């Protein structure tokens, strides 16, 4: 079971506006596209991304629906060498001044894409510029969430921060290169609940063999949500402890 994070999927209301934003401001390149009868999926990556780097999947439904962001999903994060330089460059090009580095303690910042999805800018000394560093999700039960990724996907807890009002837990498979994406589990100590919404879609993990991977998930009592057969034996879906969809795709 490898389970390297393959992509994060977000739904967008104006595909061309979203593509213009990610390709224009972050320099992303379109690496694949699926045109179906009722929707379009576009996969984007930063130029020069590592072979195990994750992609961003933008999903556009052709019926013109709107979406609710919810708060159970937090943000995607992208890497830069200098957060001040990157933020100044983005705002000079026309990106909204949302949360500058000074307001975030000087080590990160936030911008928002056309649909309101938050994009964190973090300083890293590895990985291609603006490549995906992590996807953050908020959890109501940290122990259960950590246990799910550890037991179901063989993830390790690779970093953690225990702060005054919240805790951050970063997880990914063992022996994964730093250029791969991690999942950040955020736990707020005040016991709040969250709404998943529908603007965020899912996280996806890679499998060398879809059927074998699915069988291991079922042996570990993962939720049988959408099995490979129901998805044309091209992919499958389970859910985590808080009803977020996790897709399994062939490597």
Protein backbone atom coordinates (compact mmCIF):
# COMPACT_ATOMS: atom_id res chain seq x y z
CA UNK A 1 0.00 0.00 0.00
CA UNK A 2 1.69 3.21 -1.18
CA UNK A 3 -1.15 5.76 -0.81
CA UNK A 4 0.92 8.76 -1.89
CA UNK A 5 -1.38 11.77 -2.22
CA UNK A 6 -2.21 12.16 -5.92
CA UNK A 7 -4.42 15.25 -6.05
CA UNK A 8 -6.88 17.53 -4.31
CA UNK A 9 -10.17 18.18 -6.09
CA UNK A 10 -12.08 21.47 -5.84
CA UNK A 11 -15.27 22.48 -7.64
CA UNK A 12 -15.33 25.79 -9.47
CA UNK A 13 -18.18 27.88 -10.87
CA UNK A 14 -16.24 29.51 -13.74
CA UNK A 15 -13.65 27.16 -15.20
CA UNK A 16 -11.96 29.71 -17.43
CA UNK A 17 -11.64 32.23 -14.60
CA UNK A 18 -10.11 29.57 -12.36
CA UNK A 19 -7.71 28.39 -15.06
CA UNK A 20 -6.67 31.98 -15.74
CA UNK A 21 -5.99 32.49 -12.02
CA UNK A 22 -3.90 29.35 -11.46
CA UNK A 23 -2.02 29.52 -14.75
CA UNK A 24 -1.61 33.29 -14.72
CA UNK A 25 -0.64 33.93 -11.11
CA UNK A 26 0.91 30.61 -10.03
CA UNK A 27 2.20 29.57 -13.44
CA UNK A 28 0.44 26.21 -13.30
CA UNK A 29 0.37 24.00 -16.36
CA UNK A 30 -2.55 21.86 -17.51
CA UNK A 31 -1.35 18.25 -17.40
CA UNK A 32 -4.59 16.45 -18.28
CA UNK A 33 -8.28 17.05 -18.93
CA UNK A 34 -11.42 14.91 -18.97
CA UNK A 35 -14.39 16.26 -20.93
CA UNK A 36 -17.52 14.33 -19.92
CA UNK A 37 -21.13 14.96 -20.90
CA UNK A 38 -22.03 16.82 -17.72
CA UNK A 39 -18.70 17.98 -16.27
CA UNK A 40 -15.07 18.81 -17.04
CA UNK A 41 -12.07 17.84 -14.92
CA UNK A 42 -8.78 19.73 -15.42
CA UNK A 43 -5.58 18.71 -13.65
CA UNK A 44 -2.92 21.35 -12.99
CA UNK A 45 0.64 21.22 -11.65
CA UNK A 46 3.50 23.60 -11.05
CA UNK A 47 6.21 23.50 -13.74
CA UNK A 48 9.10 21.24 -12.79
CA UNK A 49 7.12 19.46 -10.09
CA UNK A 50 8.58 16.27 -8.63
CA UNK A 51 7.31 13.00 -10.08
CA UNK A 52 5.50 12.29 -6.81
CA UNK A 53 4.14 15.82 -6.42
CA UNK A 54 0.37 16.15 -6.16
CA UNK A 55 -1.85 17.82 -8.74
CA UNK A 56 -4.80 20.18 -8.34
CA UNK A 57 -8.04 18.97 -9.93
CA UNK A 58 -10.59 21.61 -10.88
CA UNK A 59 -14.06 20.22 -11.48
CA UNK A 60 -16.60 22.24 -13.46
CA UNK A 61 -20.18 20.99 -13.68
CA UNK A 62 -21.94 22.11 -16.86
CA UNK A 63 -25.28 22.85 -15.16
CA UNK A 64 -24.08 26.16 -13.73
CA UNK A 65 -24.65 25.23 -10.09
CA UNK A 66 -23.23 27.20 -7.16
CA UNK A 67 -21.35 25.76 -4.20
CA UNK A 68 -20.99 26.19 -0.46
CA UNK A 69 -17.45 26.29 0.90
CA UNK A 70 -18.19 24.96 4.36
CA UNK A 71 -15.44 24.99 6.98
CA UNK A 72 -14.43 21.35 7.30
CA UNK A 73 -11.99 21.89 4.43
CA UNK A 74 -9.40 24.56 5.12
CA UNK A 75 -6.99 25.29 2.30
CA UNK A 76 -4.35 24.10 -0.08
CA UNK A 77 -0.79 25.30 0.51
CA UNK A 78 1.89 26.06 -2.06
CA UNK A 79 5.66 26.36 -1.64
CA UNK A 80 7.90 29.37 -2.16
CA UNK A 81 11.44 30.28 -1.10
CA UNK A 82 10.47 33.69 0.31
CA UNK A 83 6.89 34.34 1.41
CA UNK A 84 7.28 38.14 1.45
CA UNK A 85 8.61 38.24 -2.12
CA UNK A 86 5.91 35.88 -3.37
CA UNK A 87 3.06 37.75 -1.66
CA UNK A 88 4.28 41.12 -2.92
CA UNK A 89 4.59 39.73 -6.43
CA UNK A 90 1.09 38.23 -6.40
CA UNK A 91 -0.61 41.35 -5.06
CA UNK A 92 1.30 43.54 -7.52
CA UNK A 93 -0.10 41.35 -10.32
CA UNK A 94 -3.65 41.85 -9.07
CA UNK A 95 -4.30 39.09 -6.52
CA UNK A 96 -6.49 40.27 -3.63
CA UNK A 97 -4.58 41.39 -0.51
CA UNK A 98 -6.11 38.85 1.89
CA UNK A 99 -3.73 37.83 4.74
CA UNK A 100 -0.23 39.21 4.34
CA UNK A 101 2.89 37.64 5.91
CA UNK A 102 3.03 40.14 8.79
CA UNK A 103 -0.52 39.23 9.85
CA UNK A 104 0.55 35.55 9.91
CA UNK A 105 3.74 35.91 11.92
CA UNK A 106 6.02 36.27 8.91
CA UNK A 107 6.31 32.61 7.94
CA UNK A 108 3.25 32.19 5.72
CA UNK A 109 0.43 34.14 4.05
CA UNK A 110 -2.92 33.53 2.36
CA UNK A 111 -4.61 34.49 -0.88
CA UNK A 112 -7.95 33.39 -2.33
CA UNK A 113 -8.81 32.09 -5.78
CA UNK A 114 -11.91 33.25 -7.75
CA UNK A 115 -14.18 30.82 -5.88
CA UNK A 116 -12.97 31.82 -2.44
CA UNK A 117 -10.78 28.76 -1.90
CA UNK A 118 -7.93 29.73 0.42
CA UNK A 119 -4.39 29.20 -0.86
CA UNK A 120 -1.66 29.33 1.77
CA UNK A 121 1.85 30.39 0.76
CA UNK A 122 4.51 28.63 2.86
CA UNK A 123 8.30 28.86 2.84
CA UNK A 124 10.08 25.65 1.88
CA UNK A 125 13.62 24.92 0.70
CA UNK A 126 12.46 22.02 -1.49
CA UNK A 127 9.98 21.46 -4.27
CA UNK A 128 9.09 23.47 -7.35
CA UNK A 129 7.80 27.00 -6.82
CA UNK A 130 4.07 26.98 -6.05
CA UNK A 131 3.94 23.16 -6.01
CA UNK A 132 1.37 21.75 -3.59
CA UNK A 133 2.77 21.35 -0.09
CA UNK A 134 -0.29 20.23 1.87
CA UNK A 135 -4.07 20.23 2.04
CA UNK A 136 -5.56 21.23 5.37
CA UNK A 137 -8.77 19.77 6.79
CA UNK A 138 -10.36 20.53 10.16
CA UNK A 139 -11.26 17.59 12.36
CA UNK A 140 -13.57 17.27 15.35
CA UNK A 141 -11.77 14.24 16.82
CA UNK A 142 -7.99 14.41 16.33
CA UNK A 143 -7.29 10.95 17.74
CA UNK A 144 -9.85 9.33 15.44
CA UNK A 145 -8.60 11.23 12.39
CA UNK A 146 -4.93 10.40 13.04
CA UNK A 147 -5.90 6.79 13.67
CA UNK A 148 -7.85 6.60 10.39
CA UNK A 149 -4.91 7.74 8.28
CA UNK A 150 -2.51 5.52 10.23
CA UNK A 151 -4.61 2.37 10.18
CA UNK A 152 -6.39 2.66 6.84
CA UNK A 153 -3.58 4.19 4.73
CA UNK A 154 -0.39 3.39 6.72
CA UNK A 155 0.35 7.11 7.13
CA UNK A 156 2.94 8.39 9.60
CA UNK A 157 2.64 11.49 11.76
CA UNK A 158 5.58 13.43 10.28
CA UNK A 159 5.14 16.77 12.06
CA UNK A 160 2.95 18.33 14.74
CA UNK A 161 2.41 21.66 16.46
CA UNK A 162 0.54 21.97 19.78
CA UNK A 163 -0.45 25.62 20.19
CA UNK A 164 -2.58 27.60 22.64
CA UNK A 165 -5.95 27.10 20.98
CA UNK A 166 -5.38 24.47 18.29
CA UNK A 167 -3.09 21.68 17.12
CA UNK A 168 -1.74 20.76 13.69
CA UNK A 169 -0.87 17.20 12.63
CA UNK A 170 0.84 16.50 9.30
CA UNK A 171 0.56 12.99 7.86
CA UNK A 172 1.88 11.14 4.83
CA UNK A 173 3.10 7.64 3.90
CA UNK A 174 6.48 6.46 5.14
CA UNK A 175 9.44 6.99 2.80
CA UNK A 176 7.56 9.64 0.79
CA UNK A 177 9.84 12.38 -0.61
CA UNK A 178 9.39 15.84 0.91
CA UNK A 179 8.16 17.13 -2.46
CA UNK A 180 5.01 15.01 -2.09
CA UNK A 181 1.91 16.59 -0.57
CA UNK A 182 0.94 15.99 3.06
CA UNK A 183 -2.47 16.18 4.71
CA UNK A 184 -2.69 18.65 7.57
CA UNK A 185 -5.25 17.80 10.25
CA UNK A 186 -6.26 20.88 12.25
CA UNK A 187 -7.90 20.35 15.62
CA UNK A 188 -9.38 23.34 17.47
CA UNK A 189 -9.61 22.90 21.24
CA UNK A 190 -13.00 24.60 21.59
CA UNK A 191 -14.93 21.53 20.44
CA UNK A 192 -16.59 23.20 17.46
CA UNK A 193 -18.32 21.25 14.67
CA UNK A 194 -17.83 21.72 10.93
CA UNK A 195 -19.79 21.59 7.70
CA UNK A 196 -18.19 19.82 4.74
CA UNK A 197 -19.93 21.89 2.07
CA UNK A 198 -19.66 20.95 -1.59
CA UNK A 199 -17.10 23.37 -3.05
CA UNK A 200 -14.35 20.99 -1.97
CA UNK A 201 -14.51 17.52 -3.46
CA UNK A 202 -11.95 15.07 -2.22
CA UNK A 203 -8.38 14.02 -1.60
CA UNK A 204 -7.02 11.26 -3.83
CA UNK A 205 -4.35 8.65 -3.06
CA UNK A 206 -2.43 6.46 -5.46
CA UNK A 207 -2.61 2.67 -5.63
CA UNK A 208 -0.32 0.35 -7.59
CA UNK A 209 -3.17 -2.15 -7.85
CA UNK A 210 -6.68 -0.78 -7.36
CA UNK A 211 -8.38 -4.07 -6.48
CA UNK A 212 -5.68 -5.11 -4.01
CA UNK A 213 -5.66 -1.69 -2.37
CA UNK A 214 -9.45 -1.72 -2.07
CA UNK A 215 -9.34 -5.19 -0.55
CA UNK A 216 -6.90 -3.98 2.11
CA UNK A 217 -9.15 -1.03 2.89
CA UNK A 218 -12.13 -3.34 3.34
CA UNK A 219 -10.06 -5.66 5.57
CA UNK A 220 -9.29 -2.60 7.70
CA UNK A 221 -12.99 -1.73 7.88
CA UNK A 222 -12.86 1.42 5.78
CA UNK A 223 -16.23 2.63 4.54
CA UNK A 224 -17.44 0.85 1.40
CA UNK A 225 -18.68 4.02 -0.28
CA UNK A 226 -18.04 3.58 -4.03
CA UNK A 227 -16.22 0.37 -4.88
CA UNK A 228 -14.03 -0.08 -7.99
CA UNK A 229 -16.73 -1.91 -9.95
CA UNK A 230 -19.20 0.95 -9.46
CA UNK A 231 -16.56 3.32 -10.85
CA UNK A 232 -15.69 1.31 -13.95
CA UNK A 233 -12.66 -0.25 -12.21
CA UNK A 234 -10.75 3.00 -12.83
CA UNK A 235 -10.98 4.42 -9.30
CA UNK A 236 -12.93 4.04 -6.05
CA UNK A 237 -14.01 6.10 -3.04
CA UNK A 238 -14.05 5.62 0.69
CA UNK A 239 -14.71 8.21 3.43
CA UNK A 240 -12.71 9.31 6.45
CA UNK A 241 -14.05 9.57 10.00
CA UNK A 242 -15.78 12.89 9.27
CA UNK A 243 -17.50 12.10 5.98
CA UNK A 244 -14.85 13.50 3.62
CA UNK A 245 -14.39 11.57 0.39
CA UNK A 246 -11.04 9.90 -0.26
CA UNK A 247 -10.53 8.70 -3.83
CA UNK A 248 -8.22 5.83 -4.74
CA UNK A 249 -6.70 6.07 -8.21
CA UNK A 250 -4.35 3.81 -10.14
CA UNK A 251 -0.79 5.08 -10.06
